[in-house]
Amino acid sequence: AERVQQKSAIAISRLCSDPVVAAQVVELQGVSR
């Protein structure tokens, strides 16, 4: 479960190099998590 959280956050970080994806994370309330 820890590795799922860590790898997911790593993937999100990498994907958020694209401003459109970063905005999608904000829109989906991912910042709060």
Full PDB file with SEQRES, HELIX, SHEET, SSBOND, CRYST1, ORIGX, SCALE, CONECT and MASTER records, all heavy atoms in Angstrom:
SEQRES   1 A   33  ALA GLU ARG VAL GLN GLN LYS SER ALA ILE ALA ILE SER          
SEQRES   2 A   33  ARG LEU CYS SER ASP PRO VAL VAL ALA ALA GLN VAL VAL          
SEQRES   3 A   33  GLU LEU GLN GLY VAL SER ARG                                  
HELIX    1 AA1 GLU A    2  LEU A   15  1                                  14    
HELIX    2 AA2 PRO A   19  GLU A   27  1                                   9    
CRYST1    1.000    1.000    1.000  90.00  90.00  90.00 P 1           1          
ORIGX1      1.000000  0.000000  0.000000        0.00000                         
ORIGX2      0.000000  1.000000  0.000000        0.00000                         
ORIGX3      0.000000  0.000000  1.000000        0.00000                         
SCALE1      1.000000  0.000000  0.000000        0.00000                         
SCALE2      0.000000  1.000000  0.000000        0.00000                         
SCALE3      0.000000  0.000000  1.000000        0.00000                         
ATOM      1  N   ALA A   1       0.836  -1.202   0.000  1.00  0.00           N  
ATOM      2  CA  ALA A   1       0.000   0.000   0.000  1.00  0.00           C  
ATOM      3  C   ALA A   1       0.876   1.260   0.000  1.00  0.00           C  
ATOM      4  O   ALA A   1       0.575   2.229  -0.697  1.00  0.00           O  
ATOM      5  CB  ALA A   1      -0.946   0.001   1.200  1.00  0.00           C  
ATOM      6  N   GLU A   2       1.948   1.247   0.768  1.00  0.00           N  
ATOM      7  CA  GLU A   2       2.890   2.375   0.759  1.00  0.00           C  
ATOM      8  C   GLU A   2       3.492   2.565  -0.622  1.00  0.00           C  
ATOM      9  O   GLU A   2       3.609   3.697  -1.112  1.00  0.00           O  
ATOM     10  CB  GLU A   2       4.035   2.135   1.749  1.00  0.00           C  
ATOM     11  CG  GLU A   2       3.676   2.314   3.192  1.00  0.00           C  
ATOM     12  CD  GLU A   2       4.849   1.978   4.098  1.00  0.00           C  
ATOM     13  OE1 GLU A   2       6.017   2.192   3.700  1.00  0.00           O  
ATOM     14  OE2 GLU A   2       4.597   1.471   5.206  1.00  0.00           O  
ATOM     15  N   ARG A   3       3.877   1.456  -1.252  1.00  0.00           N  
ATOM     16  CA  ARG A   3       4.483   1.547  -2.585  1.00  0.00           C  
ATOM     17  C   ARG A   3       3.471   2.048  -3.612  1.00  0.00           C  
ATOM     18  O   ARG A   3       3.833   2.783  -4.528  1.00  0.00           O  
ATOM     19  CB  ARG A   3       5.075   0.202  -3.002  1.00  0.00           C  
ATOM     20  CG  ARG A   3       6.316  -0.173  -2.198  1.00  0.00           C  
ATOM     21  CD  ARG A   3       7.023  -1.386  -2.766  1.00  0.00           C  
ATOM     22  NE  ARG A   3       6.223  -2.591  -2.779  1.00  0.00           N  
ATOM     23  CZ  ARG A   3       6.121  -3.470  -1.784  1.00  0.00           C  
ATOM     24  NH1 ARG A   3       6.812  -3.281  -0.672  1.00  0.00           N  
ATOM     25  NH2 ARG A   3       5.362  -4.545  -1.897  1.00  0.00           N  
ATOM     26  N   VAL A   4       2.203   1.678  -3.458  1.00  0.00           N  
ATOM     27  CA  VAL A   4       1.169   2.184  -4.365  1.00  0.00           C  
ATOM     28  C   VAL A   4       1.090   3.705  -4.247  1.00  0.00           C  
ATOM     29  O   VAL A   4       1.059   4.416  -5.253  1.00  0.00           O  
ATOM     30  CB  VAL A   4      -0.207   1.545  -4.070  1.00  0.00           C  
ATOM     31  CG1 VAL A   4      -1.318   2.258  -4.825  1.00  0.00           C  
ATOM     32  CG2 VAL A   4      -0.206   0.071  -4.411  1.00  0.00           C  
ATOM     33  N   GLN A   5       1.056   4.208  -3.027  1.00  0.00           N  
ATOM     34  CA  GLN A   5       1.002   5.658  -2.827  1.00  0.00           C  
ATOM     35  C   GLN A   5       2.239   6.333  -3.411  1.00  0.00           C  
ATOM     36  O   GLN A   5       2.132   7.341  -4.119  1.00  0.00           O  
ATOM     37  CB  GLN A   5       0.893   5.991  -1.338  1.00  0.00           C  
ATOM     38  CG  GLN A   5      -0.436   5.666  -0.726  1.00  0.00           C  
ATOM     39  CD  GLN A   5      -0.480   5.974   0.765  1.00  0.00           C  
ATOM     40  OE1 GLN A   5       0.558   5.987   1.452  1.00  0.00           O  
ATOM     41  NE2 GLN A   5      -1.673   6.208   1.272  1.00  0.00           N  
ATOM     42  N   GLN A   6       3.413   5.787  -3.126  1.00  0.00           N  
ATOM     43  CA  GLN A   6       4.653   6.393  -3.585  1.00  0.00           C  
ATOM     44  C   GLN A   6       4.743   6.393  -5.112  1.00  0.00           C  
ATOM     45  O   GLN A   6       5.026   7.419  -5.728  1.00  0.00           O  
ATOM     46  CB  GLN A   6       5.858   5.676  -2.979  1.00  0.00           C  
ATOM     47  CG  GLN A   6       7.179   6.312  -3.370  1.00  0.00           C  
ATOM     48  CD  GLN A   6       8.371   5.633  -2.720  1.00  0.00           C  
ATOM     49  OE1 GLN A   6       8.264   4.551  -2.164  1.00  0.00           O  
ATOM     50  NE2 GLN A   6       9.510   6.271  -2.796  1.00  0.00           N  
ATOM     51  N   LYS A   7       4.508   5.258  -5.734  1.00  0.00           N  
ATOM     52  CA  LYS A   7       4.607   5.159  -7.195  1.00  0.00           C  
ATOM     53  C   LYS A   7       3.543   6.025  -7.864  1.00  0.00           C  
ATOM     54  O   LYS A   7       3.794   6.628  -8.915  1.00  0.00           O  
ATOM     55  CB  LYS A   7       4.478   3.708  -7.658  1.00  0.00           C  
ATOM     56  CG  LYS A   7       5.615   2.822  -7.213  1.00  0.00           C  
ATOM     57  CD  LYS A   7       6.922   3.236  -7.838  1.00  0.00           C  
ATOM     58  CE  LYS A   7       8.020   2.268  -7.454  1.00  0.00           C  
ATOM     59  NZ  LYS A   7       9.274   2.546  -8.129  1.00  0.00           N  
ATOM     60  N   SER A   8       2.366   6.104  -7.280  1.00  0.00           N  
ATOM     61  CA  SER A   8       1.310   6.945  -7.851  1.00  0.00           C  
ATOM     62  C   SER A   8       1.708   8.405  -7.807  1.00  0.00           C  
ATOM     63  O   SER A   8       1.524   9.137  -8.790  1.00  0.00           O  
ATOM     64  CB  SER A   8      -0.008   6.726  -7.104  1.00  0.00           C  
ATOM     65  OG  SER A   8      -0.441   5.392  -7.269  1.00  0.00           O  
ATOM     66  N   ALA A   9       2.259   8.845  -6.689  1.00  0.00           N  
ATOM     67  CA  ALA A   9       2.701  10.240  -6.577  1.00  0.00           C  
ATOM     68  C   ALA A   9       3.859  10.529  -7.537  1.00  0.00           C  
ATOM     69  O   ALA A   9       3.919  11.600  -8.143  1.00  0.00           O  
ATOM     70  CB  ALA A   9       3.099  10.557  -5.138  1.00  0.00           C  
ATOM     71  N   ILE A  10       4.755   9.572  -7.709  1.00  0.00           N  
ATOM     72  CA  ILE A  10       5.857   9.739  -8.660  1.00  0.00           C  
ATOM     73  C   ILE A  10       5.300   9.886 -10.079  1.00  0.00           C  
ATOM     74  O   ILE A  10       5.719  10.773 -10.834  1.00  0.00           O  
ATOM     75  CB  ILE A  10       6.843   8.552  -8.571  1.00  0.00           C  
ATOM     76  CG1 ILE A  10       7.638   8.614  -7.265  1.00  0.00           C  
ATOM     77  CG2 ILE A  10       7.780   8.516  -9.777  1.00  0.00           C  
ATOM     78  CD1 ILE A  10       8.433   7.353  -6.952  1.00  0.00           C  
ATOM     79  N   ALA A  11       4.374   9.031 -10.435  1.00  0.00           N  
ATOM     80  CA  ALA A  11       3.776   9.096 -11.776  1.00  0.00           C  
ATOM     81  C   ALA A  11       3.055  10.428 -11.977  1.00  0.00           C  
ATOM     82  O   ALA A  11       3.181  11.058 -13.034  1.00  0.00           O  
ATOM     83  CB  ALA A  11       2.824   7.925 -11.986  1.00  0.00           C  
ATOM     84  N   ILE A  12       2.315  10.869 -10.971  1.00  0.00           N  
ATOM     85  CA  ILE A  12       1.607  12.146 -11.070  1.00  0.00           C  
ATOM     86  C   ILE A  12       2.607  13.280 -11.253  1.00  0.00           C  
ATOM     87  O   ILE A  12       2.420  14.159 -12.098  1.00  0.00           O  
ATOM     88  CB  ILE A  12       0.705  12.374  -9.842  1.00  0.00           C  
ATOM     89  CG1 ILE A  12      -0.494  11.427  -9.900  1.00  0.00           C  
ATOM     90  CG2 ILE A  12       0.252  13.828  -9.742  1.00  0.00           C  
ATOM     91  CD1 ILE A  12      -1.316  11.364  -8.628  1.00  0.00           C  
ATOM     92  N   SER A  13       3.682  13.253 -10.504  1.00  0.00           N  
ATOM     93  CA  SER A  13       4.705  14.284 -10.633  1.00  0.00           C  
ATOM     94  C   SER A  13       5.257  14.326 -12.051  1.00  0.00           C  
ATOM     95  O   SER A  13       5.401  15.390 -12.659  1.00  0.00           O  
ATOM     96  CB  SER A  13       5.829  14.028  -9.628  1.00  0.00           C  
ATOM     97  OG  SER A  13       6.866  14.972  -9.790  1.00  0.00           O  
ATOM     98  N   ARG A  14       5.563  13.175 -12.590  1.00  0.00           N  
ATOM     99  CA  ARG A  14       6.115  13.114 -13.951  1.00  0.00           C  
ATOM    100  C   ARG A  14       5.091  13.595 -14.979  1.00  0.00           C  
ATOM    101  O   ARG A  14       5.428  14.333 -15.899  1.00  0.00           O  
ATOM    102  CB  ARG A  14       6.566  11.691 -14.264  1.00  0.00           C  
ATOM    103  CG  ARG A  14       7.798  11.296 -13.473  1.00  0.00           C  
ATOM    104  CD  ARG A  14       8.153   9.839 -13.645  1.00  0.00           C  
ATOM    105  NE  ARG A  14       9.397   9.533 -12.925  1.00  0.00           N  
ATOM    106  CZ  ARG A  14       9.833   8.313 -12.702  1.00  0.00           C  
ATOM    107  NH1 ARG A  14       9.154   7.266 -13.137  1.00  0.00           N  
ATOM    108  NH2 ARG A  14      10.963   8.132 -12.041  1.00  0.00           N  
ATOM    109  N   LEU A  15       3.857  13.176 -14.824  1.00  0.00           N  
ATOM    110  CA  LEU A  15       2.816  13.577 -15.772  1.00  0.00           C  
ATOM    111  C   LEU A  15       2.508  15.069 -15.682  1.00  0.00           C  
ATOM    112  O   LEU A  15       2.123  15.691 -16.672  1.00  0.00           O  
ATOM    113  CB  LEU A  15       1.541  12.762 -15.542  1.00  0.00           C  
ATOM    114  CG  LEU A  15       1.628  11.288 -15.920  1.00  0.00           C  
ATOM    115  CD1 LEU A  15       0.384  10.542 -15.450  1.00  0.00           C  
ATOM    116  CD2 LEU A  15       1.826  11.116 -17.422  1.00  0.00           C  
ATOM    117  N   CYS A  16       2.693  15.646 -14.505  1.00  0.00           N  
ATOM    118  CA  CYS A  16       2.397  17.065 -14.306  1.00  0.00           C  
ATOM    119  C   CYS A  16       3.459  17.982 -14.903  1.00  0.00           C  
ATOM    120  O   CYS A  16       3.374  19.200 -14.759  1.00  0.00           O  
ATOM    121  CB  CYS A  16       2.176  17.361 -12.824  1.00  0.00           C  
ATOM    122  SG  CYS A  16       0.555  16.809 -12.258  1.00  0.00           S  
ATOM    123  N   SER A  17       4.424  17.414 -15.601  1.00  0.00           N  
ATOM    124  CA  SER A  17       5.324  18.245 -16.401  1.00  0.00           C  
ATOM    125  C   SER A  17       4.520  18.955 -17.480  1.00  0.00           C  
ATOM    126  O   SER A  17       4.921  20.004 -17.976  1.00  0.00           O  
ATOM    127  CB  SER A  17       6.417  17.382 -17.050  1.00  0.00           C  
ATOM    128  OG  SER A  17       7.247  16.845 -16.060  1.00  0.00           O  
ATOM    129  N   ASP A  18       3.402  18.362 -17.848  1.00  0.00           N  
ATOM    130  CA  ASP A  18       2.485  18.955 -18.822  1.00  0.00           C  
ATOM    131  C   ASP A  18       1.486  19.826 -18.045  1.00  0.00           C  
ATOM    132  O   ASP A  18       0.753  19.314 -17.186  1.00  0.00           O  
ATOM    133  CB  ASP A  18       1.751  17.837 -19.562  1.00  0.00           C  
ATOM    134  CG  ASP A  18       0.764  18.354 -20.594  1.00  0.00           C  
ATOM    135  OD1 ASP A  18       0.407  19.557 -20.577  1.00  0.00           O  
ATOM    136  OD2 ASP A  18       0.335  17.535 -21.422  1.00  0.00           O  
ATOM    137  N   PRO A  19       1.441  21.122 -18.316  1.00  0.00           N  
ATOM    138  CA  PRO A  19       0.516  22.002 -17.589  1.00  0.00           C  
ATOM    139  C   PRO A  19      -0.950  21.586 -17.691  1.00  0.00           C  
ATOM    140  O   PRO A  19      -1.714  21.800 -16.756  1.00  0.00           O  
ATOM    141  CB  PRO A  19       0.739  23.373 -18.247  1.00  0.00           C  
ATOM    142  CG  PRO A  19       2.100  23.298 -18.842  1.00  0.00           C  
ATOM    143  CD  PRO A  19       2.303  21.864 -19.241  1.00  0.00           C  
ATOM    144  N   VAL A  20      -1.347  20.964 -18.800  1.00  0.00           N  
ATOM    145  CA  VAL A  20      -2.740  20.514 -18.957  1.00  0.00           C  
ATOM    146  C   VAL A  20      -3.041  19.407 -17.947  1.00  0.00           C  
ATOM    147  O   VAL A  20      -4.103  19.390 -17.322  1.00  0.00           O  
ATOM    148  CB  VAL A  20      -3.002  20.047 -20.405  1.00  0.00           C  
ATOM    149  CG1 VAL A  20      -4.373  19.412 -20.535  1.00  0.00           C  
ATOM    150  CG2 VAL A  20      -2.834  21.202 -21.372  1.00  0.00           C  
ATOM    151  N   VAL A  21      -2.101  18.492 -17.772  1.00  0.00           N  
ATOM    152  CA  VAL A  21      -2.289  17.406 -16.809  1.00  0.00           C  
ATOM    153  C   VAL A  21      -2.274  17.959 -15.391  1.00  0.00           C  
ATOM    154  O   VAL A  21      -3.079  17.556 -14.545  1.00  0.00           O  
ATOM    155  CB  VAL A  21      -1.218  16.304 -16.997  1.00  0.00           C  
ATOM    156  CG1 VAL A  21      -1.363  15.231 -15.929  1.00  0.00           C  
ATOM    157  CG2 VAL A  21      -1.329  15.692 -18.386  1.00  0.00           C  
ATOM    158  N   ALA A  22      -1.366  18.895 -15.121  1.00  0.00           N  
ATOM    159  CA  ALA A  22      -1.315  19.506 -13.786  1.00  0.00           C  
ATOM    160  C   ALA A  22      -2.655  20.169 -13.458  1.00  0.00           C  
ATOM    161  O   ALA A  22      -3.170  20.021 -12.344  1.00  0.00           O  
ATOM    162  CB  ALA A  22      -0.175  20.516 -13.713  1.00  0.00           C  
ATOM    163  N   ALA A  23      -3.229  20.866 -14.433  1.00  0.00           N  
ATOM    164  CA  ALA A  23      -4.534  21.494 -14.222  1.00  0.00           C  
ATOM    165  C   ALA A  23      -5.622  20.448 -13.983  1.00  0.00           C  
ATOM    166  O   ALA A  23      -6.541  20.658 -13.188  1.00  0.00           O  
ATOM    167  CB  ALA A  23      -4.896  22.373 -15.423  1.00  0.00           C  
ATOM    168  N   GLN A  24      -5.496  19.305 -14.650  1.00  0.00           N  
ATOM    169  CA  GLN A  24      -6.463  18.225 -14.455  1.00  0.00           C  
ATOM    170  C   GLN A  24      -6.390  17.696 -13.025  1.00  0.00           C  
ATOM    171  O   GLN A  24      -7.420  17.426 -12.407  1.00  0.00           O  
ATOM    172  CB  GLN A  24      -6.182  17.104 -15.458  1.00  0.00           C  
ATOM    173  CG  GLN A  24      -7.210  16.010 -15.464  1.00  0.00           C  
ATOM    174  CD  GLN A  24      -6.881  14.919 -16.474  1.00  0.00           C  
ATOM    175  OE1 GLN A  24      -5.729  14.680 -16.814  1.00  0.00           O  
ATOM    176  NE2 GLN A  24      -7.899  14.230 -16.933  1.00  0.00           N  
ATOM    177  N   VAL A  25      -5.193  17.564 -12.477  1.00  0.00           N  
ATOM    178  CA  VAL A  25      -5.040  17.104 -11.091  1.00  0.00           C  
ATOM    179  C   VAL A  25      -5.699  18.096 -10.137  1.00  0.00           C  
ATOM    180  O   VAL A  25      -6.396  17.695  -9.197  1.00  0.00           O  
ATOM    181  CB  VAL A  25      -3.549  16.891 -10.735  1.00  0.00           C  
ATOM    182  CG1 VAL A  25      -3.378  16.600  -9.249  1.00  0.00           C  
ATOM    183  CG2 VAL A  25      -2.956  15.767 -11.573  1.00  0.00           C  
ATOM    184  N   VAL A  26      -5.508  19.386 -10.392  1.00  0.00           N  
ATOM    185  CA  VAL A  26      -6.137  20.412  -9.551  1.00  0.00           C  
ATOM    186  C   VAL A  26      -7.658  20.301  -9.655  1.00  0.00           C  
ATOM    187  O   VAL A  26      -8.359  20.295  -8.642  1.00  0.00           O  
ATOM    188  CB  VAL A  26      -5.661  21.825  -9.964  1.00  0.00           C  
ATOM    189  CG1 VAL A  26      -6.467  22.902  -9.239  1.00  0.00           C  
ATOM    190  CG2 VAL A  26      -4.171  21.984  -9.678  1.00  0.00           C  
ATOM    191  N   GLU A  27      -8.157  20.176 -10.880  1.00  0.00           N  
ATOM    192  CA  GLU A  27      -9.605  20.089 -11.111  1.00  0.00           C  
ATOM    193  C   GLU A  27     -10.221  18.871 -10.429  1.00  0.00           C  
ATOM    194  O   GLU A  27     -11.334  18.925  -9.919  1.00  0.00           O  
ATOM    195  CB  GLU A  27      -9.867  20.021 -12.617  1.00  0.00           C  
ATOM    196  CG  GLU A  27     -11.324  19.975 -12.990  1.00  0.00           C  
ATOM    197  CD  GLU A  27     -11.503  19.877 -14.492  1.00  0.00           C  
ATOM    198  OE1 GLU A  27     -10.785  20.569 -15.238  1.00  0.00           O  
ATOM    199  OE2 GLU A  27     -12.370  19.094 -14.915  1.00  0.00           O  
ATOM    200  N   LEU A  28      -9.480  17.767 -10.405  1.00  0.00           N  
ATOM    201  CA  LEU A  28      -9.984  16.527  -9.804  1.00  0.00           C  
ATOM    202  C   LEU A  28      -9.753  16.455  -8.288  1.00  0.00           C  
ATOM    203  O   LEU A  28      -9.923  15.407  -7.681  1.00  0.00           O  
ATOM    204  CB  LEU A  28      -9.332  15.320 -10.487  1.00  0.00           C  
ATOM    205  CG  LEU A  28      -9.704  15.109 -11.946  1.00  0.00           C  
ATOM    206  CD1 LEU A  28      -8.813  14.039 -12.583  1.00  0.00           C  
ATOM    207  CD2 LEU A  28     -11.172  14.730 -12.065  1.00  0.00           C  
ATOM    208  N   GLN A  29      -9.359  17.560  -7.689  1.00  0.00           N  
ATOM    209  CA  GLN A  29      -9.136  17.656  -6.241  1.00  0.00           C  
ATOM    210  C   GLN A  29      -7.960  16.802  -5.757  1.00  0.00           C  
ATOM    211  O   GLN A  29      -7.912  16.405  -4.585  1.00  0.00           O  
ATOM    212  CB  GLN A  29     -10.412  17.282  -5.462  1.00  0.00           C  
ATOM    213  CG  GLN A  29     -11.652  18.054  -5.869  1.00  0.00           C  
ATOM    214  CD  GLN A  29     -11.553  19.535  -5.580  1.00  0.00           C  
ATOM    215  OE1 GLN A  29     -11.118  19.922  -4.514  1.00  0.00           O  
ATOM    216  NE2 GLN A  29     -11.918  20.366  -6.539  1.00  0.00           N  
ATOM    217  N   GLY A  30      -7.033  16.499  -6.655  1.00  0.00           N  
ATOM    218  CA  GLY A  30      -5.874  15.691  -6.277  1.00  0.00           C  
ATOM    219  C   GLY A  30      -4.927  16.401  -5.338  1.00  0.00           C  
ATOM    220  O   GLY A  30      -4.233  15.758  -4.544  1.00  0.00           O  
ATOM    221  N   VAL A  31      -4.916  17.723  -5.390  1.00  0.00           N  
ATOM    222  CA  VAL A  31      -4.020  18.485  -4.522  1.00  0.00           C  
ATOM    223  C   VAL A  31      -4.363  18.238  -3.057  1.00  0.00           C  
ATOM    224  O   VAL A  31      -3.475  18.086  -2.218  1.00  0.00           O  
ATOM    225  CB  VAL A  31      -4.050  19.988  -4.873  1.00  0.00           C  
ATOM    226  CG1 VAL A  31      -3.269  20.812  -3.859  1.00  0.00           C  
ATOM    227  CG2 VAL A  31      -3.496  20.217  -6.274  1.00  0.00           C  
ATOM    228  N   SER A  32      -5.636  18.153  -2.744  1.00  0.00           N  
ATOM    229  CA  SER A  32      -6.024  17.944  -1.338  1.00  0.00           C  
ATOM    230  C   SER A  32      -5.518  16.598  -0.816  1.00  0.00           C  
ATOM    231  O   SER A  32      -5.076  16.502   0.330  1.00  0.00           O  
ATOM    232  CB  SER A  32      -7.533  18.073  -1.157  1.00  0.00           C  
ATOM    233  OG  SER A  32      -8.201  17.067  -1.875  1.00  0.00           O  
ATOM    234  N   ARG A  33      -5.562  15.558  -1.644  1.00  0.00           N  
ATOM    235  CA  ARG A  33      -5.054  14.252  -1.197  1.00  0.00           C  
ATOM    236  C   ARG A  33      -3.537  14.288  -1.042  1.00  0.00           C  
ATOM    237  O   ARG A  33      -2.999  13.745  -0.076  1.00  0.00           O  
ATOM    238  CB  ARG A  33      -5.475  13.148  -2.176  1.00  0.00           C  
ATOM    239  CG  ARG A  33      -5.013  11.769  -1.756  1.00  0.00           C  
ATOM    240  CD  ARG A  33      -5.605  11.338  -0.427  1.00  0.00           C  
ATOM    241  NE  ARG A  33      -5.144  10.017  -0.055  1.00  0.00           N  
ATOM    242  CZ  ARG A  33      -5.094   9.572   1.183  1.00  0.00           C  
ATOM    243  NH1 ARG A  33      -5.520  10.313   2.192  1.00  0.00           N  
ATOM    244  NH2 ARG A  33      -4.658   8.358   1.439  1.00  0.00           N  
TER     245      ARG A  33                                                      
MASTER        0    0    0    2    0    0    0    6  244    1    0    3          
END                                                                             
